[in-house]
PDB file of all heavy atoms in Angstrom:
ATOM      1  N   ALA A   1     116.800  56.743 123.309  1.00  0.00           N
ATOM      2  CA  ALA A   1     115.410  56.975 122.905  1.00  0.00           C
ATOM      3  C   ALA A   1     115.212  56.992 121.408  1.00  0.00           C
ATOM      4  O   ALA A   1     114.070  56.918 120.935  1.00  0.00           O
ATOM      5  CB  ALA A   1     114.910  58.261 123.524  1.00  0.00           C
ATOM      6  N   PHE A   2     116.280  57.157 120.641  1.00  0.00           N
ATOM      7  CA  PHE A   2     116.116  57.315 119.178  1.00  0.00           C
ATOM      8  C   PHE A   2     115.377  56.099 118.568  1.00  0.00           C
ATOM      9  O   PHE A   2     114.335  56.228 117.913  1.00  0.00           O
ATOM     10  CB  PHE A   2     117.466  57.482 118.526  1.00  0.00           C
ATOM     11  CG  PHE A   2     117.782  58.896 118.222  1.00  0.00           C
ATOM     12  CD1 PHE A   2     118.795  59.554 118.909  1.00  0.00           C
ATOM     13  CD2 PHE A   2     117.077  59.601 117.273  1.00  0.00           C
ATOM     14  CE1 PHE A   2     119.077  60.887 118.645  1.00  0.00           C
ATOM     15  CE2 PHE A   2     117.373  60.922 116.958  1.00  0.00           C
ATOM     16  CZ  PHE A   2     118.389  61.544 117.670  1.00  0.00           C
ATOM     17  N   LEU A   3     115.950  54.908 118.720  1.00  0.00           N
ATOM     18  CA  LEU A   3     115.408  53.732 118.058  1.00  0.00           C
ATOM     19  C   LEU A   3     113.986  53.391 118.580  1.00  0.00           C
ATOM     20  O   LEU A   3     113.084  53.091 117.789  1.00  0.00           O
ATOM     21  CB  LEU A   3     116.328  52.539 118.218  1.00  0.00           C
ATOM     22  CG  LEU A   3     117.685  52.627 117.455  1.00  0.00           C
ATOM     23  CD1 LEU A   3     118.504  51.353 117.625  1.00  0.00           C
ATOM     24  CD2 LEU A   3     117.436  52.905 115.966  1.00  0.00           C
ATOM     25  N   PRO A   4     113.738  53.414 119.902  1.00  0.00           N
ATOM     26  CA  PRO A   4     112.362  53.166 120.338  1.00  0.00           C
ATOM     27  C   PRO A   4     111.363  54.200 119.774  1.00  0.00           C
ATOM     28  O   PRO A   4     110.225  53.811 119.420  1.00  0.00           O
ATOM     29  CB  PRO A   4     112.458  53.315 121.887  1.00  0.00           C
ATOM     30  CG  PRO A   4     113.850  52.974 122.174  1.00  0.00           C
ATOM     31  CD  PRO A   4     114.654  53.512 121.034  1.00  0.00           C
ATOM     32  N   GLY A   5     111.763  55.464 119.700  1.00  0.00           N
ATOM     33  CA  GLY A   5     110.817  56.496 119.183  1.00  0.00           C
ATOM     34  C   GLY A   5     110.483  56.251 117.719  1.00  0.00           C
ATOM     35  O   GLY A   5     109.328  56.280 117.323  1.00  0.00           O
ATOM     36  N   PHE A   6     111.508  55.930 116.940  1.00  0.00           N
ATOM     37  CA  PHE A   6     111.261  55.702 115.503  1.00  0.00           C
ATOM     38  C   PHE A   6     110.614  54.341 115.291  1.00  0.00           C
ATOM     39  O   PHE A   6     109.892  54.165 114.288  1.00  0.00           O
ATOM     40  CB  PHE A   6     112.561  55.846 114.729  1.00  0.00           C
ATOM     41  CG  PHE A   6     113.015  57.268 114.581  1.00  0.00           C
ATOM     42  CD1 PHE A   6     114.186  57.699 115.278  1.00  0.00           C
ATOM     43  CD2 PHE A   6     112.291  58.180 113.869  1.00  0.00           C
ATOM     44  CE1 PHE A   6     114.578  58.987 115.179  1.00  0.00           C
ATOM     45  CE2 PHE A   6     112.702  59.495 113.789  1.00  0.00           C
ATOM     46  CZ  PHE A   6     113.851  59.935 114.428  1.00  0.00           C
ATOM     47  N   LEU A   7     110.864  53.388 116.193  1.00  0.00           N
ATOM     48  CA  LEU A   7     110.144  52.097 116.116  1.00  0.00           C
ATOM     49  C   LEU A   7     108.642  52.308 116.290  1.00  0.00           C
ATOM     50  O   LEU A   7     107.830  51.740 115.497  1.00  0.00           O
ATOM     51  CB  LEU A   7     110.681  51.152 117.169  1.00  0.00           C
ATOM     52  CG  LEU A   7     109.884  49.839 117.399  1.00  0.00           C
ATOM     53  CD1 LEU A   7     109.956  48.968 116.159  1.00  0.00           C
ATOM     54  CD2 LEU A   7     110.376  49.095 118.626  1.00  0.00           C
ATOM     55  N   LEU A   8     108.241  53.120 117.267  1.00  0.00           N
ATOM     56  CA  LEU A   8     106.825  53.404 117.454  1.00  0.00           C
ATOM     57  C   LEU A   8     106.261  54.145 116.265  1.00  0.00           C
ATOM     58  O   LEU A   8     105.125  53.808 115.808  1.00  0.00           O
ATOM     59  CB  LEU A   8     106.642  54.226 118.732  1.00  0.00           C
ATOM     60  CG  LEU A   8     106.850  53.499 120.017  1.00  0.00           C
ATOM     61  CD1 LEU A   8     106.765  54.459 121.209  1.00  0.00           C
ATOM     62  CD2 LEU A   8     105.887  52.342 120.196  1.00  0.00           C
ATOM     63  N   SER A   9     106.988  55.100 115.740  1.00  0.00           N
ATOM     64  CA  SER A   9     106.533  55.807 114.523  1.00  0.00           C
ATOM     65  C   SER A   9     106.279  54.832 113.391  1.00  0.00           C
ATOM     66  O   SER A   9     105.296  54.912 112.646  1.00  0.00           O
ATOM     67  CB  SER A   9     107.528  56.889 114.141  1.00  0.00           C
ATOM     68  OG  SER A   9     107.136  57.531 112.947  1.00  0.00           O
ATOM     69  N   PHE A  10     107.251  53.871 113.196  1.00  0.00           N
ATOM     70  CA  PHE A  10     107.115  52.879 112.145  1.00  0.00           C
ATOM     71  C   PHE A  10     105.856  52.004 112.369  1.00  0.00           C
ATOM     72  O   PHE A  10     105.103  51.721 111.411  1.00  0.00           O
ATOM     73  CB  PHE A  10     108.353  52.008 112.087  1.00  0.00           C
ATOM     74  CG  PHE A  10     108.220  50.833 111.178  1.00  0.00           C
ATOM     75  CD1 PHE A  10     108.339  50.952 109.815  1.00  0.00           C
ATOM     76  CD2 PHE A  10     107.974  49.542 111.687  1.00  0.00           C
ATOM     77  CE1 PHE A  10     108.218  49.853 108.967  1.00  0.00           C
ATOM     78  CE2 PHE A  10     107.865  48.452 110.873  1.00  0.00           C
ATOM     79  CZ  PHE A  10     107.994  48.610 109.491  1.00  0.00           C
ATOM     80  N   LEU A  11     105.622  51.615 113.628  1.00  0.00           N
ATOM     81  CA  LEU A  11     104.479  50.758 113.931  1.00  0.00           C
ATOM     82  C   LEU A  11     103.187  51.511 113.606  1.00  0.00           C
ATOM     83  O   LEU A  11     102.228  50.942 113.052  1.00  0.00           O
ATOM     84  CB  LEU A  11     104.476  50.342 115.394  1.00  0.00           C
ATOM     85  CG  LEU A  11     105.532  49.329 115.809  1.00  0.00           C
ATOM     86  CD1 LEU A  11     105.460  49.098 117.353  1.00  0.00           C
ATOM     87  CD2 LEU A  11     105.316  47.985 115.120  1.00  0.00           C
ATOM     88  N   PHE A  12     103.125  52.799 113.971  1.00  0.00           N
ATOM     89  CA  PHE A  12     101.941  53.589 113.663  1.00  0.00           C
ATOM     90  C   PHE A  12     101.693  53.696 112.184  1.00  0.00           C
ATOM     91  O   PHE A  12     100.552  53.517 111.703  1.00  0.00           O
ATOM     92  CB  PHE A  12     102.086  55.003 114.250  1.00  0.00           C
ATOM     93  CG  PHE A  12     102.195  55.069 115.755  1.00  0.00           C
ATOM     94  CD1 PHE A  12     102.787  56.176 116.372  1.00  0.00           C
ATOM     95  CD2 PHE A  12     101.798  54.032 116.539  1.00  0.00           C
ATOM     96  CE1 PHE A  12     102.900  56.254 117.736  1.00  0.00           C
ATOM     97  CE2 PHE A  12     101.912  54.072 117.909  1.00  0.00           C
ATOM     98  CZ  PHE A  12     102.474  55.190 118.514  1.00  0.00           C
ATOM     99  N   ILE A  13     102.745  53.997 111.429  1.00  0.00           N
ATOM    100  CA  ILE A  13     102.596  54.184 109.968  1.00  0.00           C
ATOM    101  C   ILE A  13     102.233  52.855 109.296  1.00  0.00           C
ATOM    102  O   ILE A  13     101.297  52.818 108.449  1.00  0.00           O
ATOM    103  CB  ILE A  13     103.908  54.703 109.356  1.00  0.00           C
ATOM    104  CG1 ILE A  13     104.143  56.169 109.857  1.00  0.00           C
ATOM    105  CG2 ILE A  13     103.902  54.643 107.834  1.00  0.00           C
ATOM    106  CD1 ILE A  13     105.493  56.704 109.468  1.00  0.00           C
ATOM    107  N   ALA A  14     102.908  51.777 109.709  1.00  0.00           N
ATOM    108  CA  ALA A  14     102.607  50.479 109.079  1.00  0.00           C
ATOM    109  C   ALA A  14     101.156  50.055 109.360  1.00  0.00           C
ATOM    110  O   ALA A  14     100.442  49.573 108.481  1.00  0.00           O
ATOM    111  CB  ALA A  14     103.559  49.429 109.672  1.00  0.00           C
ATOM    112  N   TYR A  15     100.667  50.314 110.582  1.00  0.00           N
ATOM    113  CA  TYR A  15      99.295  49.956 110.898  1.00  0.00           C
ATOM    114  C   TYR A  15      98.304  50.749 110.043  1.00  0.00           C
ATOM    115  O   TYR A  15      97.373  50.141 109.497  1.00  0.00           O
ATOM    116  CB  TYR A  15      99.054  50.200 112.390  1.00  0.00           C
ATOM    117  CG  TYR A  15      97.602  50.013 112.809  1.00  0.00           C
ATOM    118  CD1 TYR A  15      97.071  48.707 112.866  1.00  0.00           C
ATOM    119  CD2 TYR A  15      96.779  51.089 113.132  1.00  0.00           C
ATOM    120  CE1 TYR A  15      95.739  48.514 113.237  1.00  0.00           C
ATOM    121  CE2 TYR A  15      95.463  50.886 113.494  1.00  0.00           C
ATOM    122  CZ  TYR A  15      94.951  49.626 113.559  1.00  0.00           C
ATOM    123  OH  TYR A  15      93.613  49.422 113.911  1.00  0.00           O
ATOM    124  N   CYS A  16      98.533  52.021 109.911  1.00  0.00           N
ATOM    125  CA  CYS A  16      97.619  52.835 109.112  1.00  0.00           C
ATOM    126  C   CYS A  16      97.621  52.434 107.664  1.00  0.00           C
ATOM    127  O   CYS A  16      96.539  52.345 107.016  1.00  0.00           O
ATOM    128  CB  CYS A  16      97.981  54.307 109.233  1.00  0.00           C
ATOM    129  SG  CYS A  16      97.634  55.054 110.856  1.00  0.00           S
ATOM    130  N   LEU A  17      98.772  52.162 107.080  1.00  0.00           N
ATOM    131  CA  LEU A  17      98.865  51.819 105.692  1.00  0.00           C
ATOM    132  C   LEU A  17      98.273  50.410 105.447  1.00  0.00           C
ATOM    133  O   LEU A  17      97.630  50.182 104.419  1.00  0.00           O
ATOM    134  CB  LEU A  17     100.330  51.884 105.189  1.00  0.00           C
ATOM    135  CG  LEU A  17     100.944  53.274 105.199  1.00  0.00           C
ATOM    136  CD1 LEU A  17     102.366  53.204 104.605  1.00  0.00           C
ATOM    137  CD2 LEU A  17     100.106  54.274 104.397  1.00  0.00           C
ATOM    138  N   ILE A  18      98.504  49.480 106.360  1.00  0.00           N
ATOM    139  CA  ILE A  18      97.910  48.145 106.176  1.00  0.00           C
ATOM    140  C   ILE A  18      96.391  48.202 106.301  1.00  0.00           C
ATOM    141  O   ILE A  18      95.690  47.583 105.512  1.00  0.00           O
ATOM    142  CB  ILE A  18      98.535  47.172 107.229  1.00  0.00           C
ATOM    143  CG1 ILE A  18      99.998  46.904 106.935  1.00  0.00           C
ATOM    144  CG2 ILE A  18      97.765  45.859 107.253  1.00  0.00           C
ATOM    145  CD1 ILE A  18     100.719  46.147 107.989  1.00  0.00           C
ATOM    146  N   ARG A  19      95.910  48.974 107.287  1.00  0.00           N
ATOM    147  CA  ARG A  19      94.452  49.119 107.396  1.00  0.00           C
ATOM    148  C   ARG A  19      93.858  49.742 106.130  1.00  0.00           C
ATOM    149  O   ARG A  19      92.778  49.351 105.640  1.00  0.00           O
ATOM    150  CB  ARG A  19      94.122  50.018 108.599  1.00  0.00           C
ATOM    151  CG  ARG A  19      94.114  49.347 109.951  1.00  0.00           C
ATOM    152  CD  ARG A  19      92.880  48.489 110.167  1.00  0.00           C
ATOM    153  NE  ARG A  19      91.639  49.193 109.935  1.00  0.00           N
ATOM    154  CZ  ARG A  19      91.001  49.956 110.809  1.00  0.00           C
ATOM    155  NH1 ARG A  19      91.556  50.118 112.051  1.00  0.00           N
ATOM    156  NH2 ARG A  19      89.883  50.538 110.558  1.00  0.00           N
ATOM    157  N   SER A  20      94.563  50.740 105.609  1.00  0.00           N
ATOM    158  CA  SER A  20      94.041  51.416 104.382  1.00  0.00           C
ATOM    159  C   SER A  20      94.090  50.471 103.169  1.00  0.00           C
ATOM    160  O   SER A  20      93.215  50.564 102.291  1.00  0.00           O
ATOM    161  CB  SER A  20      94.901  52.665 104.095  1.00  0.00           C
ATOM    162  OG  SER A  20      94.821  53.580 105.175  1.00  0.00           O
ATOM    163  N   ALA A  21      95.075  49.594 103.128  1.00  0.00           N
ATOM    164  CA  ALA A  21      95.136  48.643 102.013  1.00  0.00           C
ATOM    165  C   ALA A  21      94.044  47.573 102.115  1.00  0.00           C
ATOM    166  O   ALA A  21      93.490  47.179 101.085  1.00  0.00           O
ATOM    167  CB  ALA A  21      96.508  47.958 101.990  1.00  0.00           C
ATOM    168  N   LEU A  22      93.769  47.113 103.325  1.00  0.00           N
ATOM    169  CA  LEU A  22      92.757  46.083 103.527  1.00  0.00           C
ATOM    170  C   LEU A  22      91.339  46.653 103.528  1.00  0.00           C
ATOM    171  O   LEU A  22      90.399  45.948 103.105  1.00  0.00           O
ATOM    172  CB  LEU A  22      93.016  45.355 104.850  1.00  0.00           C
ATOM    173  CG  LEU A  22      94.365  44.582 104.960  1.00  0.00           C
ATOM    174  CD1 LEU A  22      94.515  43.949 106.326  1.00  0.00           C
ATOM    175  CD2 LEU A  22      94.439  43.517 103.885  1.00  0.00           C
ATOM    176  N   GLN A  23      91.175  47.897 104.009  1.00  0.00           N
ATOM    177  CA  GLN A  23      89.872  48.558 104.023  1.00  0.00           C
ATOM    178  C   GLN A  23      90.008  49.900 103.315  1.00  0.00           C
ATOM    179  O   GLN A  23      90.240  50.937 103.944  1.00  0.00           O
ATOM    180  CB  GLN A  23      89.428  48.768 105.473  1.00  0.00           C
ATOM    181  CG  GLN A  23      89.181  47.532 106.265  1.00  0.00           C
ATOM    182  CD  GLN A  23      88.824  47.818 107.673  1.00  0.00           C
ATOM    183  OE1 GLN A  23      89.651  47.948 108.550  1.00  0.00           O
ATOM    184  NE2 GLN A  23      87.524  47.985 107.960  1.00  0.00           N
ATOM    185  N   PRO A  24      89.871  49.934 102.003  1.00  0.00           N
ATOM    186  CA  PRO A  24      90.083  51.181 101.265  1.00  0.00           C
ATOM    187  C   PRO A  24      89.216  52.371 101.738  1.00  0.00           C
ATOM    188  O   PRO A  24      89.634  53.510 101.598  1.00  0.00           O
ATOM    189  CB  PRO A  24      89.734  50.794  99.826  1.00  0.00           C
ATOM    190  CG  PRO A  24      89.944  49.299  99.789  1.00  0.00           C
ATOM    191  CD  PRO A  24      89.547  48.793 101.126  1.00  0.00           C
ATOM    192  N   SER A  25      88.093  52.062 102.363  1.00  0.00           N
ATOM    193  CA  SER A  25      87.221  53.154 102.808  1.00  0.00           C
ATOM    194  C   SER A  25      87.804  53.994 103.951  1.00  0.00           C
ATOM    195  O   SER A  25      87.401  55.120 104.136  1.00  0.00           O
ATOM    196  CB  SER A  25      85.845  52.573 103.220  1.00  0.00           C
ATOM    197  OG  SER A  25      86.008  51.667 104.311  1.00  0.00           O
ATOM    198  N   VAL A  26      88.720  53.396 104.729  1.00  0.00           N
ATOM    199  CA  VAL A  26      89.271  54.170 105.856  1.00  0.00           C
ATOM    200  C   VAL A  26      90.333  55.189 105.461  1.00  0.00           C
ATOM    201  O   VAL A  26      90.623  56.119 106.204  1.00  0.00           O
ATOM    202  CB  VAL A  26      89.829  53.226 106.940  1.00  0.00           C
ATOM    203  CG1 VAL A  26      88.785  52.241 107.428  1.00  0.00           C
ATOM    204  CG2 VAL A  26      91.083  52.525 106.493  1.00  0.00           C
ATOM    205  N   GLY A  27      90.924  55.002 104.251  1.00  0.00           N
ATOM    206  CA  GLY A  27      91.951  55.928 103.803  1.00  0.00           C
ATOM    207  C   GLY A  27      92.081  55.925 102.308  1.00  0.00           C
ATOM    208  O   GLY A  27      93.074  55.473 101.744  1.00  0.00           O
ATOM    209  N   PRO A  28      91.092  56.432 101.600  1.00  0.00           N
ATOM    210  CA  PRO A  28      91.080  56.389 100.117  1.00  0.00           C
ATOM    211  C   PRO A  28      92.173  57.315  99.554  1.00  0.00           C
ATOM    212  O   PRO A  28      92.617  58.253 100.224  1.00  0.00           O
ATOM    213  CB  PRO A  28      89.714  56.921  99.752  1.00  0.00           C
ATOM    214  CG  PRO A  28      89.282  57.758 100.908  1.00  0.00           C
ATOM    215  CD  PRO A  28      89.888  57.119 102.146  1.00  0.00           C
ATOM    216  N   PRO A  29      92.641  57.015  98.321  1.00  0.00           N
ATOM    217  CA  PRO A  29      93.623  57.916  97.701  1.00  0.00           C
ATOM    218  C   PRO A  29      92.999  59.292  97.435  1.00  0.00           C
ATOM    219  O   PRO A  29      91.748  59.450  97.332  1.00  0.00           O
ATOM    220  CB  PRO A  29      93.909  57.213  96.353  1.00  0.00           C
ATOM    221  CG  PRO A  29      93.428  55.826  96.521  1.00  0.00           C
ATOM    222  CD  PRO A  29      92.301  55.869  97.500  1.00  0.00           C
ATOM    223  N   LEU A  30      93.832  60.302  97.353  1.00  0.00           N
ATOM    224  CA  LEU A  30      93.321  61.645  97.089  1.00  0.00           C
ATOM    225  C   LEU A  30      92.894  61.741  95.621  1.00  0.00           C
ATOM    226  O   LEU A  30      93.482  61.058  94.745  1.00  0.00           O
ATOM    227  CB  LEU A  30      94.434  62.683  97.349  1.00  0.00           C
ATOM    228  CG  LEU A  30      94.933  62.759  98.810  1.00  0.00           C
ATOM    229  CD1 LEU A  30      95.986  63.842  98.945  1.00  0.00           C
ATOM    230  CD2 LEU A  30      93.780  63.032  99.762  1.00  0.00           C
ATOM    231  N   PRO A  31      91.902  62.563  95.310  1.00  0.00           N
ATOM    232  CA  PRO A  31      91.456  62.692  93.901  1.00  0.00           C
ATOM    233  C   PRO A  31      92.604  63.307  93.073  1.00  0.00           C
ATOM    234  O   PRO A  31      93.479  63.994  93.577  1.00  0.00           O
ATOM    235  CB  PRO A  31      90.287  63.643  93.987  1.00  0.00           C
ATOM    236  CG  PRO A  31      90.402  64.299  95.350  1.00  0.00           C
ATOM    237  CD  PRO A  31      91.086  63.343  96.206  1.00  0.00           C
TER     238      PRO A  31
END
């Protein structure tokens, strides 16, 4: 279960960061 669990975690993180890079309004940098 180790690699599948961390694979899903990686997919979640990558998706959020890519969305934030393409759409800055969904995840702006902290002041």
